[in-house]
Amino acid sequence: MIERHGSGGPWEDAVGYSRVVRSGDLVWVAGCTGTLADGTLAGLGDPYTQAVQAIENIAAALGKVGALLQDVVRTRIAIIERDHADAVIRAHGEAFGDVRPAAALYVVAGLLDPRMLVEIEADAVVAAG
């Protein structure tokens, strides 16, 4: 059985993707940005605040399938400016320091909304059932 859940974000229907997918004990969370539930962006111009919100969005997505941040085994982080790395790394470390997932950090040309400074994906493994 495969579970698929959306967050209600505007791009999910247009693009045709789910925010989180679970199959057995495997969970994949699509890229999360600093977007708030009302569609606004947290921390305009602040990569740390946007990273914290992106991780909160990951936690909310994981919760829809019975998973936690502690279940995360891999993250992929995209930032639009190399100078944002320290702030985003700090946010990631605060959330995942004890979890220690495999992680990658990429500097990309840009994200969908030019005000978005960071996007984070997560994969997790949880007990089946």
C-alpha atoms as a PDB file:
ATOM      1  CA  MET A   1       0.000   0.000   0.000  1.00  0.00           C
ATOM      2  CA  ILE A   2       1.222   3.492  -0.824  1.00  0.00           C
ATOM      3  CA  GLU A   3       0.020   6.533   1.120  1.00  0.00           C
ATOM      4  CA  ARG A   4       0.146   9.931  -0.551  1.00  0.00           C
ATOM      5  CA  HIS A   5      -0.664  13.207   1.184  1.00  0.00           C
ATOM      6  CA  GLY A   6      -0.588  16.826   0.123  1.00  0.00           C
ATOM      7  CA  SER A   7      -0.068  19.936   2.186  1.00  0.00           C
ATOM      8  CA  GLY A   8      -2.663  21.984   0.342  1.00  0.00           C
ATOM      9  CA  GLY A   9       0.035  24.055  -1.342  1.00  0.00           C
ATOM     10  CA  PRO A  10      -0.812  25.561  -4.728  1.00  0.00           C
ATOM     11  CA  TRP A  11       1.851  23.720  -6.715  1.00  0.00           C
ATOM     12  CA  GLU A  12       0.934  20.156  -5.774  1.00  0.00           C
ATOM     13  CA  ASP A  13      -2.120  19.917  -8.035  1.00  0.00           C
ATOM     14  CA  ALA A  14      -0.543  21.932 -10.848  1.00  0.00           C
ATOM     15  CA  VAL A  15       2.656  19.868 -10.925  1.00  0.00           C
ATOM     16  CA  GLY A  16       1.052  16.582  -9.885  1.00  0.00           C
ATOM     17  CA  TYR A  17       3.017  15.618  -6.803  1.00  0.00           C
ATOM     18  CA  SER A  18       2.485  14.718  -3.159  1.00  0.00           C
ATOM     19  CA  ARG A  19       4.102  16.460  -0.207  1.00  0.00           C
ATOM     20  CA  VAL A  20       4.769  13.108   1.451  1.00  0.00           C
ATOM     21  CA  VAL A  21       4.626   9.501   0.264  1.00  0.00           C
ATOM     22  CA  ARG A  22       4.904   6.395   2.428  1.00  0.00           C
ATOM     23  CA  SER A  23       5.320   2.833   1.221  1.00  0.00           C
ATOM     24  CA  GLY A  24       5.820   0.342   4.024  1.00  0.00           C
ATOM     25  CA  ASP A  25       8.578   1.674   6.229  1.00  0.00           C
ATOM     26  CA  LEU A  26       9.943   4.134   3.627  1.00  0.00           C
ATOM     27  CA  VAL A  27       8.919   7.796   3.552  1.00  0.00           C
ATOM     28  CA  TRP A  28       9.802  10.539   1.080  1.00  0.00           C
ATOM     29  CA  VAL A  29       9.082  14.218   1.694  1.00  0.00           C
ATOM     30  CA  ALA A  30       9.096  16.525  -1.325  1.00  0.00           C
ATOM     31  CA  GLY A  31      11.146  19.692  -1.223  1.00  0.00           C
ATOM     32  CA  CYS A  32       9.898  22.053   1.479  1.00  0.00           C
ATOM     33  CA  THR A  33      10.511  25.776   1.571  1.00  0.00           C
ATOM     34  CA  GLY A  34       9.812  28.399   4.221  1.00  0.00           C
ATOM     35  CA  THR A  35       6.196  28.691   3.100  1.00  0.00           C
ATOM     36  CA  LEU A  36       3.640  29.129   5.873  1.00  0.00           C
ATOM     37  CA  ALA A  37       0.203  27.470   5.954  1.00  0.00           C
ATOM     38  CA  ASP A  38      -1.428  30.655   4.627  1.00  0.00           C
ATOM     39  CA  GLY A  39       0.852  30.624   1.562  1.00  0.00           C
ATOM     40  CA  THR A  40       3.103  33.472   2.673  1.00  0.00           C
ATOM     41  CA  LEU A  41       6.835  33.057   3.028  1.00  0.00           C
ATOM     42  CA  ALA A  42       8.487  33.144   6.457  1.00  0.00           C
ATOM     43  CA  GLY A  43      11.611  35.178   6.998  1.00  0.00           C
ATOM     44  CA  LEU A  44      11.865  37.200   3.822  1.00  0.00           C
ATOM     45  CA  GLY A  45      15.569  37.644   3.161  1.00  0.00           C
ATOM     46  CA  ASP A  46      16.514  35.416   6.121  1.00  0.00           C
ATOM     47  CA  PRO A  47      17.880  31.978   5.176  1.00  0.00           C
ATOM     48  CA  TYR A  48      17.938  30.736   8.787  1.00  0.00           C
ATOM     49  CA  THR A  49      14.250  31.507   9.387  1.00  0.00           C
ATOM     50  CA  GLN A  50      13.290  29.987   6.051  1.00  0.00           C
ATOM     51  CA  ALA A  51      15.285  26.829   6.816  1.00  0.00           C
ATOM     52  CA  VAL A  52      13.647  26.500  10.242  1.00  0.00           C
ATOM     53  CA  GLN A  53      10.206  26.820   8.623  1.00  0.00           C
ATOM     54  CA  ALA A  54      11.128  24.333   5.888  1.00  0.00           C
ATOM     55  CA  ILE A  55      12.099  21.814   8.576  1.00  0.00           C
ATOM     56  CA  GLU A  56       8.831  22.503  10.426  1.00  0.00           C
ATOM     57  CA  ASN A  57       7.038  21.776   7.136  1.00  0.00           C
ATOM     58  CA  ILE A  58       8.976  18.520   6.828  1.00  0.00           C
ATOM     59  CA  ALA A  59       7.961  17.569  10.378  1.00  0.00           C
ATOM     60  CA  ALA A  60       4.296  18.289   9.573  1.00  0.00           C
ATOM     61  CA  ALA A  61       4.497  16.164   6.414  1.00  0.00           C
ATOM     62  CA  LEU A  62       6.161  13.307   8.285  1.00  0.00           C
ATOM     63  CA  GLY A  63       3.430  13.468  10.900  1.00  0.00           C
ATOM     64  CA  LYS A  64       0.792  12.743   8.260  1.00  0.00           C
ATOM     65  CA  VAL A  65       2.287   9.267   7.820  1.00  0.00           C
ATOM     66  CA  GLY A  66       3.229   8.563  11.425  1.00  0.00           C
ATOM     67  CA  ALA A  67       6.881   9.558  11.151  1.00  0.00           C
ATOM     68  CA  LEU A  68       9.077  11.992  13.068  1.00  0.00           C
ATOM     69  CA  LEU A  69      12.182  14.050  12.368  1.00  0.00           C
ATOM     70  CA  GLN A  70      14.067  11.368  14.309  1.00  0.00           C
ATOM     71  CA  ASP A  71      13.177   8.884  11.522  1.00  0.00           C
ATOM     72  CA  VAL A  72      14.926  10.933   8.813  1.00  0.00           C
ATOM     73  CA  VAL A  73      17.866   9.140   7.186  1.00  0.00           C
ATOM     74  CA  ARG A  74      18.683  11.570   4.355  1.00  0.00           C
ATOM     75  CA  THR A  75      18.225  15.246   3.557  1.00  0.00           C
ATOM     76  CA  ARG A  76      18.950  17.264   0.445  1.00  0.00           C
ATOM     77  CA  ILE A  77      19.315  20.998   0.881  1.00  0.00           C
ATOM     78  CA  ALA A  78      19.277  23.559  -1.923  1.00  0.00           C
ATOM     79  CA  ILE A  79      20.331  27.153  -1.278  1.00  0.00           C
ATOM     80  CA  ILE A  80      20.487  29.980  -3.779  1.00  0.00           C
ATOM     81  CA  GLU A  81      23.530  31.756  -2.302  1.00  0.00           C
ATOM     82  CA  ARG A  82      26.730  30.196  -0.985  1.00  0.00           C
ATOM     83  CA  ASP A  83      26.718  32.893   1.723  1.00  0.00           C
ATOM     84  CA  HIS A  84      23.513  31.365   3.147  1.00  0.00           C
ATOM     85  CA  ALA A  85      25.219  28.054   3.951  1.00  0.00           C
ATOM     86  CA  ASP A  86      26.181  28.834   7.563  1.00  0.00           C
ATOM     87  CA  ALA A  87      22.660  29.932   8.519  1.00  0.00           C
ATOM     88  CA  VAL A  88      21.007  26.949   6.845  1.00  0.00           C
ATOM     89  CA  ILE A  89      23.551  24.504   8.272  1.00  0.00           C
ATOM     90  CA  ARG A  90      22.844  25.911  11.745  1.00  0.00           C
ATOM     91  CA  ALA A  91      19.085  25.328  11.340  1.00  0.00           C
ATOM     92  CA  HIS A  92      19.687  21.808   9.999  1.00  0.00           C
ATOM     93  CA  GLY A  93      22.050  21.007  12.858  1.00  0.00           C
ATOM     94  CA  GLU A  94      19.566  22.223  15.458  1.00  0.00           C
ATOM     95  CA  ALA A  95      16.878  19.930  14.049  1.00  0.00           C
ATOM     96  CA  PHE A  96      18.971  16.916  13.066  1.00  0.00           C
ATOM     97  CA  GLY A  97      22.128  17.089  15.204  1.00  0.00           C
ATOM     98  CA  ASP A  98      21.252  13.966  17.193  1.00  0.00           C
ATOM     99  CA  VAL A  99      19.617  12.234  14.203  1.00  0.00           C
ATOM    100  CA  ARG A 100      22.605  12.692  11.891  1.00  0.00           C
ATOM    101  CA  PRO A 101      21.009  11.817   8.530  1.00  0.00           C
ATOM    102  CA  ALA A 102      23.107  11.553   5.407  1.00  0.00           C
ATOM    103  CA  ALA A 103      22.919  15.033   3.902  1.00  0.00           C
ATOM    104  CA  ALA A 104      23.842  16.998   0.833  1.00  0.00           C
ATOM    105  CA  LEU A 105      23.952  20.772   0.352  1.00  0.00           C
ATOM    106  CA  TYR A 106      23.724  22.273  -3.116  1.00  0.00           C
ATOM    107  CA  VAL A 107      23.983  25.833  -4.354  1.00  0.00           C
ATOM    108  CA  VAL A 108      21.398  26.250  -7.120  1.00  0.00           C
ATOM    109  CA  ALA A 109      20.621  28.995  -9.618  1.00  0.00           C
ATOM    110  CA  GLY A 110      17.272  29.743  -8.009  1.00  0.00           C
ATOM    111  CA  LEU A 111      13.999  28.384  -6.714  1.00  0.00           C
ATOM    112  CA  LEU A 112      10.457  28.729  -8.017  1.00  0.00           C
ATOM    113  CA  ASP A 113       9.805  31.962  -6.128  1.00  0.00           C
ATOM    114  CA  PRO A 114      12.846  34.282  -6.134  1.00  0.00           C
ATOM    115  CA  ARG A 115      12.145  35.162  -2.477  1.00  0.00           C
ATOM    116  CA  MET A 116      12.724  31.508  -1.515  1.00  0.00           C
ATOM    117  CA  LEU A 117      16.268  31.058  -0.258  1.00  0.00           C
ATOM    118  CA  VAL A 118      16.265  27.373   0.723  1.00  0.00           C
ATOM    119  CA  GLU A 119      14.458  24.127  -0.097  1.00  0.00           C
ATOM    120  CA  ILE A 120      14.903  20.883   1.831  1.00  0.00           C
ATOM    121  CA  GLU A 121      13.873  17.300   0.966  1.00  0.00           C
ATOM    122  CA  ALA A 122      13.867  14.413   3.442  1.00  0.00           C
ATOM    123  CA  ASP A 123      13.725  10.620   3.320  1.00  0.00           C
ATOM    124  CA  ALA A 124      12.838   8.597   6.391  1.00  0.00           C
ATOM    125  CA  VAL A 125      12.524   5.006   7.575  1.00  0.00           C
ATOM    126  CA  VAL A 126       9.875   4.095  10.155  1.00  0.00           C
ATOM    127  CA  ALA A 127       8.480   0.876  11.562  1.00  0.00           C
ATOM    128  CA  ALA A 128       6.003  -0.696   9.123  1.00  0.00           C
ATOM    129  CA  GLY A 129       2.343  -0.719  10.008  1.00  0.00           C
END
